[in-house]
Amino acid sequence: MEQWWAWVSEVGFPIVVTFYLLHRIEKRLDNVTKTLQQLPYQLTFHSQPKRSTK
């Protein structure tokens, strides 16, 4: 905790809060990136016509 106070005094409160929030949501951003990369494949798969089995 003492390290956080040192950072606040050196770089300022808004920058420390920004770094904390970015660090906290890093996994969520990775998931969004993976989902966006898979989107074209999912759209191609779902847009193909279905074959009837009759």
PDB file of N, CA and C in Angstrom:
ATOM      1  N   MET A   1       0.829  -1.199   0.000  1.00  0.00           N
ATOM      2  CA  MET A   1       0.000   0.000   0.000  1.00  0.00           C
ATOM      3  C   MET A   1       0.869   1.257   0.000  1.00  0.00           C
ATOM      4  N   GLU A   2       2.000   1.157   0.658  1.00  0.00           N
ATOM      5  CA  GLU A   2       2.897   2.299   0.713  1.00  0.00           C
ATOM      6  C   GLU A   2       3.411   2.667  -0.675  1.00  0.00           C
ATOM      7  N   GLN A   3       3.580   1.644  -1.510  1.00  0.00           N
ATOM      8  CA  GLN A   3       4.048   1.889  -2.875  1.00  0.00           C
ATOM      9  C   GLN A   3       3.023   2.713  -3.663  1.00  0.00           C
ATOM     10  N   TRP A   4       1.728   2.434  -3.429  1.00  0.00           N
ATOM     11  CA  TRP A   4       0.687   3.197  -4.120  1.00  0.00           C
ATOM     12  C   TRP A   4       0.753   4.672  -3.745  1.00  0.00           C
ATOM     13  N   TRP A   5       0.972   4.962  -2.468  1.00  0.00           N
ATOM     14  CA  TRP A   5       1.049   6.359  -2.045  1.00  0.00           C
ATOM     15  C   TRP A   5       2.255   7.058  -2.651  1.00  0.00           C
ATOM     16  N   ALA A   6       3.342   6.310  -2.821  1.00  0.00           N
ATOM     17  CA  ALA A   6       4.519   6.895  -3.464  1.00  0.00           C
ATOM     18  C   ALA A   6       4.205   7.240  -4.911  1.00  0.00           C
ATOM     19  N   TRP A   7       3.487   6.345  -5.584  1.00  0.00           N
ATOM     20  CA  TRP A   7       3.098   6.611  -6.978  1.00  0.00           C
ATOM     21  C   TRP A   7       2.177   7.817  -7.069  1.00  0.00           C
ATOM     22  N   VAL A   8       1.230   7.917  -6.157  1.00  0.00           N
ATOM     23  CA  VAL A   8       0.300   9.048  -6.178  1.00  0.00           C
ATOM     24  C   VAL A   8       1.058  10.355  -6.013  1.00  0.00           C
ATOM     25  N   SER A   9       2.015  10.383  -5.119  1.00  0.00           N
ATOM     26  CA  SER A   9       2.752  11.631  -4.908  1.00  0.00           C
ATOM     27  C   SER A   9       3.670  11.953  -6.080  1.00  0.00           C
ATOM     28  N   GLU A  10       4.141  10.920  -6.801  1.00  0.00           N
ATOM     29  CA  GLU A  10       5.049  11.165  -7.920  1.00  0.00           C
ATOM     30  C   GLU A  10       4.320  11.549  -9.208  1.00  0.00           C
ATOM     31  N   VAL A  11       3.287  10.794  -9.582  1.00  0.00           N
ATOM     32  CA  VAL A  11       2.667  11.006 -10.898  1.00  0.00           C
ATOM     33  C   VAL A  11       1.266  11.590 -10.834  1.00  0.00           C
ATOM     34  N   GLY A  12       0.656  11.593  -9.701  1.00  0.00           N
ATOM     35  CA  GLY A  12      -0.663  12.188  -9.583  1.00  0.00           C
ATOM     36  C   GLY A  12      -1.772  11.158  -9.499  1.00  0.00           C
ATOM     37  N   PHE A  13      -2.826  11.546  -8.822  1.00  0.00           N
ATOM     38  CA  PHE A  13      -3.944  10.643  -8.564  1.00  0.00           C
ATOM     39  C   PHE A  13      -4.639  10.144  -9.826  1.00  0.00           C
ATOM     40  N   PRO A  14      -4.977  10.993 -10.795  1.00  0.00           N
ATOM     41  CA  PRO A  14      -5.685  10.496 -11.986  1.00  0.00           C
ATOM     42  C   PRO A  14      -4.897   9.445 -12.766  1.00  0.00           C
ATOM     43  N   ILE A  15      -3.603   9.597 -12.849  1.00  0.00           N
ATOM     44  CA  ILE A  15      -2.791   8.635 -13.589  1.00  0.00           C
ATOM     45  C   ILE A  15      -2.761   7.297 -12.859  1.00  0.00           C
ATOM     46  N   VAL A  16      -2.651   7.312 -11.541  1.00  0.00           N
ATOM     47  CA  VAL A  16      -2.648   6.078 -10.763  1.00  0.00           C
ATOM     48  C   VAL A  16      -3.983   5.359 -10.903  1.00  0.00           C
ATOM     49  N   VAL A  17      -5.075   6.093 -10.842  1.00  0.00           N
ATOM     50  CA  VAL A  17      -6.407   5.487 -11.009  1.00  0.00           C
ATOM     51  C   VAL A  17      -6.537   4.885 -12.400  1.00  0.00           C
ATOM     52  N   THR A  18      -6.053   5.565 -13.413  1.00  0.00           N
ATOM     53  CA  THR A  18      -6.106   5.052 -14.778  1.00  0.00           C
ATOM     54  C   THR A  18      -5.326   3.757 -14.906  1.00  0.00           C
ATOM     55  N   PHE A  19      -4.105   3.712 -14.365  1.00  0.00           N
ATOM     56  CA  PHE A  19      -3.314   2.482 -14.414  1.00  0.00           C
ATOM     57  C   PHE A  19      -4.003   1.345 -13.679  1.00  0.00           C
ATOM     58  N   TYR A  20      -4.600   1.638 -12.545  1.00  0.00           N
ATOM     59  CA  TYR A  20      -5.309   0.608 -11.777  1.00  0.00           C
ATOM     60  C   TYR A  20      -6.475   0.041 -12.572  1.00  0.00           C
ATOM     61  N   LEU A  21      -7.273   0.907 -13.172  1.00  0.00           N
ATOM     62  CA  LEU A  21      -8.432   0.446 -13.928  1.00  0.00           C
ATOM     63  C   LEU A  21      -8.012  -0.335 -15.170  1.00  0.00           C
ATOM     64  N   LEU A  22      -6.976   0.109 -15.864  1.00  0.00           N
ATOM     65  CA  LEU A  22      -6.489  -0.628 -17.026  1.00  0.00           C
ATOM     66  C   LEU A  22      -5.962  -2.002 -16.633  1.00  0.00           C
ATOM     67  N   HIS A  23      -5.270  -2.074 -15.541  1.00  0.00           N
ATOM     68  CA  HIS A  23      -4.764  -3.360 -15.060  1.00  0.00           C
ATOM     69  C   HIS A  23      -5.915  -4.289 -14.676  1.00  0.00           C
ATOM     70  N   ARG A  24      -6.937  -3.735 -14.091  1.00  0.00           N
ATOM     71  CA  ARG A  24      -8.071  -4.529 -13.621  1.00  0.00           C
ATOM     72  C   ARG A  24      -8.895  -5.097 -14.761  1.00  0.00           C
ATOM     73  N   ILE A  25      -9.057  -4.350 -15.847  1.00  0.00           N
ATOM     74  CA  ILE A  25      -9.910  -4.815 -16.940  1.00  0.00           C
ATOM     75  C   ILE A  25      -9.120  -5.438 -18.088  1.00  0.00           C
ATOM     76  N   GLU A  26      -7.851  -5.740 -17.866  1.00  0.00           N
ATOM     77  CA  GLU A  26      -7.009  -6.286 -18.927  1.00  0.00           C
ATOM     78  C   GLU A  26      -7.573  -7.591 -19.489  1.00  0.00           C
ATOM     79  N   LYS A  27      -8.028  -8.504 -18.638  1.00  0.00           N
ATOM     80  CA  LYS A  27      -8.586  -9.776 -19.106  1.00  0.00           C
ATOM     81  C   LYS A  27      -9.844  -9.560 -19.925  1.00  0.00           C
ATOM     82  N   ARG A  28     -10.659  -8.621 -19.507  1.00  0.00           N
ATOM     83  CA  ARG A  28     -11.884  -8.348 -20.267  1.00  0.00           C
ATOM     84  C   ARG A  28     -11.552  -7.797 -21.651  1.00  0.00           C
ATOM     85  N   LEU A  29     -10.540  -6.950 -21.720  1.00  0.00           N
ATOM     86  CA  LEU A  29     -10.134  -6.426 -23.020  1.00  0.00           C
ATOM     87  C   LEU A  29      -9.582  -7.532 -23.917  1.00  0.00           C
ATOM     88  N   ASP A  30      -8.860  -8.488 -23.340  1.00  0.00           N
ATOM     89  CA  ASP A  30      -8.362  -9.623 -24.112  1.00  0.00           C
ATOM     90  C   ASP A  30      -9.519 -10.457 -24.655  1.00  0.00           C
ATOM     91  N   ASN A  31     -10.553 -10.664 -23.841  1.00  0.00           N
ATOM     92  CA  ASN A  31     -11.718 -11.419 -24.296  1.00  0.00           C
ATOM     93  C   ASN A  31     -12.455 -10.697 -25.423  1.00  0.00           C
ATOM     94  N   VAL A  32     -12.556  -9.400 -25.320  1.00  0.00           N
ATOM     95  CA  VAL A  32     -13.198  -8.623 -26.388  1.00  0.00           C
ATOM     96  C   VAL A  32     -12.397  -8.740 -27.678  1.00  0.00           C
ATOM     97  N   THR A  33     -11.089  -8.675 -27.582  1.00  0.00           N
ATOM     98  CA  THR A  33     -10.232  -8.802 -28.762  1.00  0.00           C
ATOM     99  C   THR A  33     -10.397 -10.163 -29.417  1.00  0.00           C
ATOM    100  N   LYS A  34     -10.390 -11.226 -28.616  1.00  0.00           N
ATOM    101  CA  LYS A  34     -10.571 -12.575 -29.164  1.00  0.00           C
ATOM    102  C   LYS A  34     -11.927 -12.726 -29.822  1.00  0.00           C
ATOM    103  N   THR A  35     -12.956 -12.188 -29.200  1.00  0.00           N
ATOM    104  CA  THR A  35     -14.303 -12.278 -29.757  1.00  0.00           C
ATOM    105  C   THR A  35     -14.393 -11.543 -31.085  1.00  0.00           C
ATOM    106  N   LEU A  36     -13.808 -10.366 -31.160  1.00  0.00           N
ATOM    107  CA  LEU A  36     -13.839  -9.609 -32.411  1.00  0.00           C
ATOM    108  C   LEU A  36     -13.056 -10.309 -33.517  1.00  0.00           C
ATOM    109  N   GLN A  37     -11.983 -10.989 -33.154  1.00  0.00           N
ATOM    110  CA  GLN A  37     -11.211 -11.721 -34.150  1.00  0.00           C
ATOM    111  C   GLN A  37     -11.974 -12.938 -34.669  1.00  0.00           C
ATOM    112  N   GLN A  38     -12.817 -13.544 -33.847  1.00  0.00           N
ATOM    113  CA  GLN A  38     -13.589 -14.719 -34.246  1.00  0.00           C
ATOM    114  C   GLN A  38     -14.883 -14.354 -34.963  1.00  0.00           C
ATOM    115  N   LEU A  39     -15.290 -13.124 -34.903  1.00  0.00           N
ATOM    116  CA  LEU A  39     -16.562 -12.696 -35.468  1.00  0.00           C
ATOM    117  C   LEU A  39     -16.716 -13.015 -36.955  1.00  0.00           C
ATOM    118  N   PRO A  40     -15.745 -12.756 -37.818  1.00  0.00           N
ATOM    119  CA  PRO A  40     -15.938 -13.086 -39.237  1.00  0.00           C
ATOM    120  C   PRO A  40     -16.189 -14.583 -39.466  1.00  0.00           C
ATOM    121  N   TYR A  41     -15.516 -15.443 -38.728  1.00  0.00           N
ATOM    122  CA  TYR A  41     -15.722 -16.881 -38.873  1.00  0.00           C
ATOM    123  C   TYR A  41     -17.117 -17.286 -38.419  1.00  0.00           C
ATOM    124  N   GLN A  42     -17.581 -16.698 -37.337  1.00  0.00           N
ATOM    125  CA  GLN A  42     -18.918 -17.012 -36.842  1.00  0.00           C
ATOM    126  C   GLN A  42     -19.986 -16.519 -37.821  1.00  0.00           C
ATOM    127  N   LEU A  43     -19.795 -15.354 -38.385  1.00  0.00           N
ATOM    128  CA  LEU A  43     -20.766 -14.832 -39.350  1.00  0.00           C
ATOM    129  C   LEU A  43     -20.802 -15.693 -40.605  1.00  0.00           C
ATOM    130  N   THR A  44     -19.650 -16.161 -41.053  1.00  0.00           N
ATOM    131  CA  THR A  44     -19.599 -17.016 -42.228  1.00  0.00           C
ATOM    132  C   THR A  44     -20.295 -18.341 -41.950  1.00  0.00           C
ATOM    133  N   PHE A  45     -20.067 -18.915 -40.798  1.00  0.00           N
ATOM    134  CA  PHE A  45     -20.668 -20.195 -40.430  1.00  0.00           C
ATOM    135  C   PHE A  45     -22.181 -20.079 -40.352  1.00  0.00           C
ATOM    136  N   HIS A  46     -22.705 -19.031 -39.753  1.00  0.00           N
ATOM    137  CA  HIS A  46     -24.146 -18.880 -39.561  1.00  0.00           C
ATOM    138  C   HIS A  46     -24.857 -18.358 -40.802  1.00  0.00           C
ATOM    139  N   SER A  47     -24.152 -17.809 -41.751  1.00  0.00           N
ATOM    140  CA  SER A  47     -24.811 -17.275 -42.933  1.00  0.00           C
ATOM    141  C   SER A  47     -24.939 -18.308 -44.051  1.00  0.00           C
ATOM    142  N   GLN A  48     -24.314 -19.472 -43.889  1.00  0.00           N
ATOM    143  CA  GLN A  48     -24.433 -20.519 -44.905  1.00  0.00           C
ATOM    144  C   GLN A  48     -25.814 -21.145 -44.818  1.00  0.00           C
ATOM    145  N   PRO A  49     -26.401 -21.464 -45.979  1.00  0.00           N
ATOM    146  CA  PRO A  49     -27.742 -22.074 -45.957  1.00  0.00           C
ATOM    147  C   PRO A  49     -27.697 -23.467 -45.329  1.00  0.00           C
ATOM    148  N   LYS A  50     -28.773 -23.788 -44.648  1.00  0.00           N
ATOM    149  CA  LYS A  50     -28.884 -25.097 -44.012  1.00  0.00           C
ATOM    150  C   LYS A  50     -29.320 -26.132 -45.048  1.00  0.00           C
ATOM    151  N   ARG A  51     -28.736 -27.295 -44.954  1.00  0.00           N
ATOM    152  CA  ARG A  51     -29.114 -28.392 -45.852  1.00  0.00           C
ATOM    153  C   ARG A  51     -30.214 -29.206 -45.204  1.00  0.00           C
ATOM    154  N   SER A  52     -31.187 -29.590 -46.001  1.00  0.00           N
ATOM    155  CA  SER A  52     -32.238 -30.430 -45.469  1.00  0.00           C
ATOM    156  C   SER A  52     -31.795 -31.888 -45.490  1.00  0.00           C
ATOM    157  N   THR A  53     -32.248 -32.672 -44.531  1.00  0.00           N
ATOM    158  CA  THR A  53     -31.842 -34.069 -44.429  1.00  0.00           C
ATOM    159  C   THR A  53     -32.886 -35.007 -44.998  1.00  0.00           C
ATOM    160  N   LYS A  54     -33.858 -34.520 -45.742  1.00  0.00           N
ATOM    161  CA  LYS A  54     -34.923 -35.369 -46.307  1.00  0.00           C
ATOM    162  C   LYS A  54     -34.481 -36.061 -47.539  1.00  0.00           C
TER     163      LYS A  54
END
